[in-house]
Structures are given as structure tokens and as C-alpha cells.
């Protein structure tokens, strides 16, 4: 990684805190102090504050100046609302990406598709990194900066729910890898119709997965009410 590619301190703080929230190392419903977050990231007040502002815009946290930082709860109801919006927005993103991606972006699509196909095991953080990379390159390839503002919270929050509710991790990651491979390759092939169809199939899976969580004992659902 070159110096130009290396994340600045605010990005480093964001990446660390976003990962900790996604994988519930910072529990939903927790109230945390800014000084505590400076400790866990080993970064200063300014980059942590910038990261928190970004996380607040994406719905991951709520900032209460007199009390601290509240980690947003996870609920099935919120997930269904997110997926309702994610479905058409993501379909538009992959369709535009298939039409507009340049040669480097198409090569990255194929590379990520190969990584998904070859993925084995249940390393959630490694898989999460592939998901974020796939989402980033798709939005960049779509060539519409407003899609980034729309997609970041939809994907980030729905991804947090999915990781938090995995039971048979290896099986679910294998299925998710196949679904993402099915989206990425048509973008690389400049086939918007096939990319669109695959995106809808991916979102259908996410809806079915969310419905399945309703059949579990309530005590198994990890949100602010069980913290």
C-alpha cells in the first residue's frame, strides 16, 4: 500500500469502530464515552470525532453530547425496512456499474468474484472485508456519487444484522459467496440485465434470512434489549 492509498487517521478510526460495531465488540444499545473510544482505537480526539460523525450519518451510532455515544440497536423491524429500500437502490447500482465500469473496475470485479468462490471456512471478518470491497467497487463503477450516500447505511446496517444473526456460519458464508459471485461476474461482463437479476436474488436471500430469525427463541436475538 502506498502512502497515498494509506487511510488517514479519521479513516482508520472509522474502519476500526465500524468493524467493532458490525461484529458486536461494541454491543448494540451500549453507551460509550469518547475517551473510551479513543482508548480502543489508540487514536486522538479529532479522528475519533470525525469517525463518529460518519457513523452517525450511517445510522450506526447516535451522538449525545451530554451523555456519550449510543450504539444503535438491532431489530428485525429495522432490518425489513432497510431491505425494502436496499433492494431497488442496489439493483440500480449494479445495473449502472455493469454499464459504466472501466477495465480496471471490471478486473477488480472478477478478482473479487474469484475470492468469493475460493472462500472456505467461517472467518467472518475476512468475509466482511470482501463484502465491503465488493460494495465499494460497485458504487465507484456506477459513477454516481449520490449512490454512495444512499448505499453506505443500507449495506452497513443490513450487514451488521446478518453477521449478528449467523448460526451455521460456514454454510451461510458459502451461500452468500455464491450470490455475490453471481452479481460481480455480470458486472465484469457488462451484462446489466444478468447483474440486476442476481442482485434481486441476493436481496431475496437477505429477506428470507431475516424472516428465519423470527422463528428463533427471543433470547437468541442479540439487540439492545438483551444487552
Protein backbone atom coordinates (compact mmCIF):
# COMPACT_ATOMS: atom_id res chain seq x y z
CA UNK A 1 0.00 0.00 0.00
CA UNK A 2 1.40 3.40 -0.98
CA UNK A 3 1.28 6.49 1.25
CA UNK A 4 -1.48 7.90 -0.98
CA UNK A 5 -3.55 4.73 -0.52
CA UNK A 6 -2.97 4.51 3.24
CA UNK A 7 -6.06 5.55 5.23
CA UNK A 8 -5.77 8.80 7.17
CA UNK A 9 -6.36 8.75 10.91
CA UNK A 10 -10.06 9.55 10.61
CA UNK A 11 -10.48 6.67 8.15
CA UNK A 12 -8.50 4.39 10.47
CA UNK A 13 -10.80 5.33 13.35
CA UNK A 14 -13.87 4.78 11.20
CA UNK A 15 -12.66 1.38 9.96
CA UNK A 16 -11.87 0.18 13.49
CA UNK A 17 -15.13 1.39 15.04
CA UNK A 18 -17.28 0.22 12.14
CA UNK A 19 -15.79 -3.27 12.40
CA UNK A 20 -16.26 -3.36 16.17
CA UNK A 21 -19.90 -2.32 15.81
CA UNK A 22 -20.54 -4.74 12.94
CA UNK A 23 -19.19 -7.69 14.91
CA UNK A 24 -20.75 -6.50 18.17
CA UNK A 25 -17.50 -5.98 20.01
CA UNK A 26 -19.29 -2.72 20.82
CA UNK A 27 -22.68 -4.06 21.81
CA UNK A 28 -25.97 -2.72 20.41
CA UNK A 29 -27.52 -0.39 22.96
CA UNK A 30 -24.21 0.38 24.68
CA UNK A 31 -23.48 3.94 25.79
CA UNK A 32 -19.79 4.73 25.38
CA UNK A 33 -17.64 7.74 26.15
CA UNK A 34 -15.49 9.46 23.59
CA UNK A 35 -12.44 8.86 25.77
CA UNK A 36 -13.18 5.13 25.82
CA UNK A 37 -13.33 5.05 22.02
CA UNK A 38 -10.04 6.92 21.87
CA UNK A 39 -8.55 4.15 24.02
CA UNK A 40 -9.87 1.26 21.95
CA UNK A 41 -8.72 2.82 18.66
CA UNK A 42 -5.47 4.25 20.07
CA UNK A 43 -6.24 7.43 18.13
CA UNK A 44 -6.80 11.04 19.10
CA UNK A 45 -9.96 13.01 19.75
CA UNK A 46 -10.22 14.65 16.32
CA UNK A 47 -10.09 11.48 14.15
CA UNK A 48 -12.43 9.67 16.55
CA UNK A 49 -14.92 12.54 16.39
CA UNK A 50 -14.76 12.60 12.60
CA UNK A 51 -15.32 8.84 12.51
CA UNK A 52 -18.28 9.11 14.87
CA UNK A 53 -19.89 11.80 12.74
CA UNK A 54 -19.64 9.49 9.74
CA UNK A 55 -21.00 6.52 11.70
CA UNK A 56 -23.88 8.69 12.92
CA UNK A 57 -24.77 9.64 9.34
CA UNK A 58 -24.83 5.92 8.50
CA UNK A 59 -27.09 5.09 11.44
CA UNK A 60 -24.52 3.02 13.33
CA UNK A 61 -24.40 5.32 16.38
CA UNK A 62 -26.23 8.23 17.94
CA UNK A 63 -24.19 11.06 19.44
CA UNK A 64 -25.48 12.59 22.67
CA UNK A 65 -23.14 15.46 23.61
CA UNK A 66 -24.06 15.41 27.30
CA UNK A 67 -24.10 11.62 27.69
CA UNK A 68 -21.83 9.90 25.18
CA UNK A 69 -22.13 7.73 22.09
CA UNK A 70 -25.04 5.31 21.84
CA UNK A 71 -24.55 2.23 19.64
CA UNK A 72 -27.73 1.88 17.62
CA UNK A 73 -29.86 -1.18 18.44
CA UNK A 74 -30.56 -4.04 16.05
CA UNK A 75 -34.15 -5.07 15.41
CA UNK A 76 -35.90 -7.27 12.86
CA UNK A 77 -38.32 -4.44 12.13
CA UNK A 78 -35.50 -2.08 11.18
CA UNK A 79 -33.85 -4.74 9.04
CA UNK A 80 -37.00 -5.26 6.99
CA UNK A 81 -37.26 -1.51 6.40
CA UNK A 82 -33.61 -1.36 5.34
CA UNK A 83 -34.01 -4.26 2.92
CA UNK A 84 -37.13 -2.72 1.45
CA UNK A 85 -35.04 0.24 0.35
CA UNK A 86 -31.80 -1.63 -0.31
CA UNK A 87 -33.41 -3.85 -2.96
CA UNK A 88 -34.17 -1.17 -5.60
CA UNK A 89 -31.16 1.00 -4.80
CA UNK A 90 -28.70 -1.88 -5.07
CA UNK A 91 -30.32 -3.12 -8.27
CA UNK A 92 -29.82 0.34 -9.78
CA UNK A 93 -26.20 0.40 -8.60
CA UNK A 94 -25.27 -2.94 -10.16
CA UNK A 95 -27.07 -2.09 -13.40
CA UNK A 96 -25.18 1.20 -13.71
CA UNK A 97 -21.91 -0.48 -12.74
CA UNK A 98 -22.33 -3.08 -15.49
CA UNK A 99 -22.89 -0.29 -17.99
CA UNK A 100 -20.21 2.14 -16.83
CA UNK A 101 -17.33 0.21 -15.22
CA UNK A 102 -13.90 0.78 -16.72
CA UNK A 103 -11.45 -2.01 -17.48
CA UNK A 104 -9.70 -1.78 -14.09
CA UNK A 105 -13.00 -1.94 -12.24
CA UNK A 106 -14.14 -4.93 -14.29
CA UNK A 107 -10.87 -6.68 -13.48
CA UNK A 108 -11.47 -5.99 -9.78
CA UNK A 109 -14.97 -7.46 -10.10
CA UNK A 110 -13.53 -10.70 -11.50
CA UNK A 111 -10.84 -10.79 -8.82
CA UNK A 112 -13.39 -10.40 -6.03
CA UNK A 113 -15.69 -12.95 -7.64
CA UNK A 114 -12.79 -15.44 -7.62
CA UNK A 115 -12.10 -14.67 -3.96
CA UNK A 116 -15.72 -15.35 -3.06
CA UNK A 117 -15.71 -18.64 -4.98
CA UNK A 118 -12.50 -19.74 -3.27
CA UNK A 119 -13.60 -18.68 0.21
CA UNK A 120 -13.71 -21.50 2.76
CA UNK A 121 -14.38 -21.69 6.47
CA UNK A 122 -16.08 -19.22 8.78
CA UNK A 123 -13.73 -16.24 9.13
CA UNK A 124 -16.39 -13.54 9.46
CA UNK A 125 -14.04 -10.58 9.41
CA UNK A 126 -12.26 -11.76 6.26
CA UNK A 127 -15.61 -12.30 4.57
CA UNK A 128 -16.79 -8.90 5.77
CA UNK A 129 -13.77 -7.30 4.14
CA UNK A 130 -14.70 -8.91 0.80
CA UNK A 131 -18.27 -7.64 1.16
CA UNK A 132 -17.13 -4.07 1.79
CA UNK A 133 -14.73 -4.21 -1.15
CA UNK A 134 -17.47 -5.52 -3.44
CA UNK A 135 -19.84 -2.77 -2.36
CA UNK A 136 -17.20 -0.05 -2.79
CA UNK A 137 -16.14 -1.07 -6.28
CA UNK A 138 -19.75 -1.43 -7.39
CA UNK A 139 -20.63 2.07 -6.25
CA UNK A 140 -17.47 3.53 -7.79
CA UNK A 141 -18.16 1.76 -11.08
CA UNK A 142 -21.74 3.07 -11.12
CA UNK A 143 -20.31 6.56 -11.49
CA UNK A 144 -22.84 8.32 -9.28
CA UNK A 145 -21.53 9.73 -6.02
CA UNK A 146 -25.03 10.03 -4.59
CA UNK A 147 -25.33 6.26 -4.64
CA UNK A 148 -22.50 6.11 -2.10
CA UNK A 149 -24.51 8.23 0.34
CA UNK A 150 -27.56 6.03 -0.23
CA UNK A 151 -25.84 2.64 -0.17
CA UNK A 152 -23.41 3.01 2.75
CA UNK A 153 -26.01 2.91 5.56
CA UNK A 154 -28.22 0.35 3.80
CA UNK A 155 -25.38 -2.09 3.31
CA UNK A 156 -23.58 -1.38 6.57
CA UNK A 157 -26.60 -1.79 8.82
CA UNK A 158 -28.02 -4.80 6.99
CA UNK A 159 -24.55 -6.40 7.03
CA UNK A 160 -24.36 -5.89 10.81
CA UNK A 161 -27.72 -7.63 11.27
CA UNK A 162 -26.66 -10.54 9.05
CA UNK A 163 -23.37 -11.15 10.83
CA UNK A 164 -25.06 -10.87 14.22
CA UNK A 165 -27.66 -13.49 13.35
CA UNK A 166 -25.49 -16.14 11.69
CA UNK A 167 -25.81 -19.58 13.22
CA UNK A 168 -24.26 -22.04 10.73
CA UNK A 169 -21.62 -19.54 9.66
CA UNK A 170 -19.74 -21.71 7.17
CA UNK A 171 -22.91 -22.70 5.31
CA UNK A 172 -24.31 -19.15 5.21
CA UNK A 173 -20.99 -17.67 4.11
CA UNK A 174 -20.75 -20.26 1.33
CA UNK A 175 -24.22 -19.34 0.07
CA UNK A 176 -23.54 -15.62 0.36
CA UNK A 177 -20.26 -16.07 -1.53
CA UNK A 178 -22.11 -17.74 -4.40
CA UNK A 179 -24.73 -14.99 -4.50
CA UNK A 180 -22.08 -12.25 -4.61
CA UNK A 181 -20.12 -14.10 -7.28
CA UNK A 182 -23.35 -14.15 -9.31
CA UNK A 183 -23.60 -10.36 -9.02
CA UNK A 184 -19.96 -9.47 -9.67
CA UNK A 185 -19.31 -11.52 -12.80
CA UNK A 186 -22.14 -10.00 -14.86
CA UNK A 187 -20.88 -6.53 -13.94
CA UNK A 188 -17.47 -7.56 -15.23
CA UNK A 189 -19.15 -8.96 -18.35
CA UNK A 190 -21.04 -5.68 -18.95
CA UNK A 191 -24.35 -7.52 -18.66
CA UNK A 192 -26.73 -5.23 -16.71
CA UNK A 193 -29.78 -7.50 -17.03
CA UNK A 194 -27.99 -10.50 -15.54
CA UNK A 195 -26.42 -8.33 -12.84
CA UNK A 196 -29.83 -6.93 -11.97
CA UNK A 197 -31.38 -10.40 -11.71
CA UNK A 198 -28.54 -11.59 -9.47
CA UNK A 199 -28.87 -8.53 -7.23
CA UNK A 200 -32.56 -9.22 -6.74
CA UNK A 201 -31.77 -12.85 -5.87
CA UNK A 202 -29.24 -11.68 -3.28
CA UNK A 203 -31.78 -9.37 -1.69
CA UNK A 204 -34.42 -12.11 -1.73
CA UNK A 205 -31.99 -14.23 0.29
CA UNK A 206 -31.49 -11.43 2.81
CA UNK A 207 -35.24 -11.08 3.28
CA UNK A 208 -35.65 -14.86 3.72
CA UNK A 209 -32.77 -14.89 6.20
CA UNK A 210 -34.44 -12.11 8.20
CA UNK A 211 -37.77 -13.93 8.27
CA UNK A 212 -35.95 -17.02 9.55
CA UNK A 213 -34.72 -15.09 12.59
CA UNK A 214 -38.33 -14.62 13.69
CA UNK A 215 -38.61 -18.38 14.25
CA UNK A 216 -35.78 -18.41 16.78
CA UNK A 217 -36.24 -18.11 20.54
CA UNK A 218 -36.28 -14.46 21.50
CA UNK A 219 -33.34 -14.96 23.87
CA UNK A 220 -31.18 -15.77 20.84
CA UNK A 221 -31.79 -12.38 19.28
CA UNK A 222 -28.94 -10.03 20.09
CA UNK A 223 -30.11 -6.45 20.38
CA UNK A 224 -30.23 -3.71 22.96
CA UNK A 225 -32.97 -5.44 24.93
CA UNK A 226 -30.75 -8.44 25.66
CA UNK A 227 -27.59 -6.44 26.34
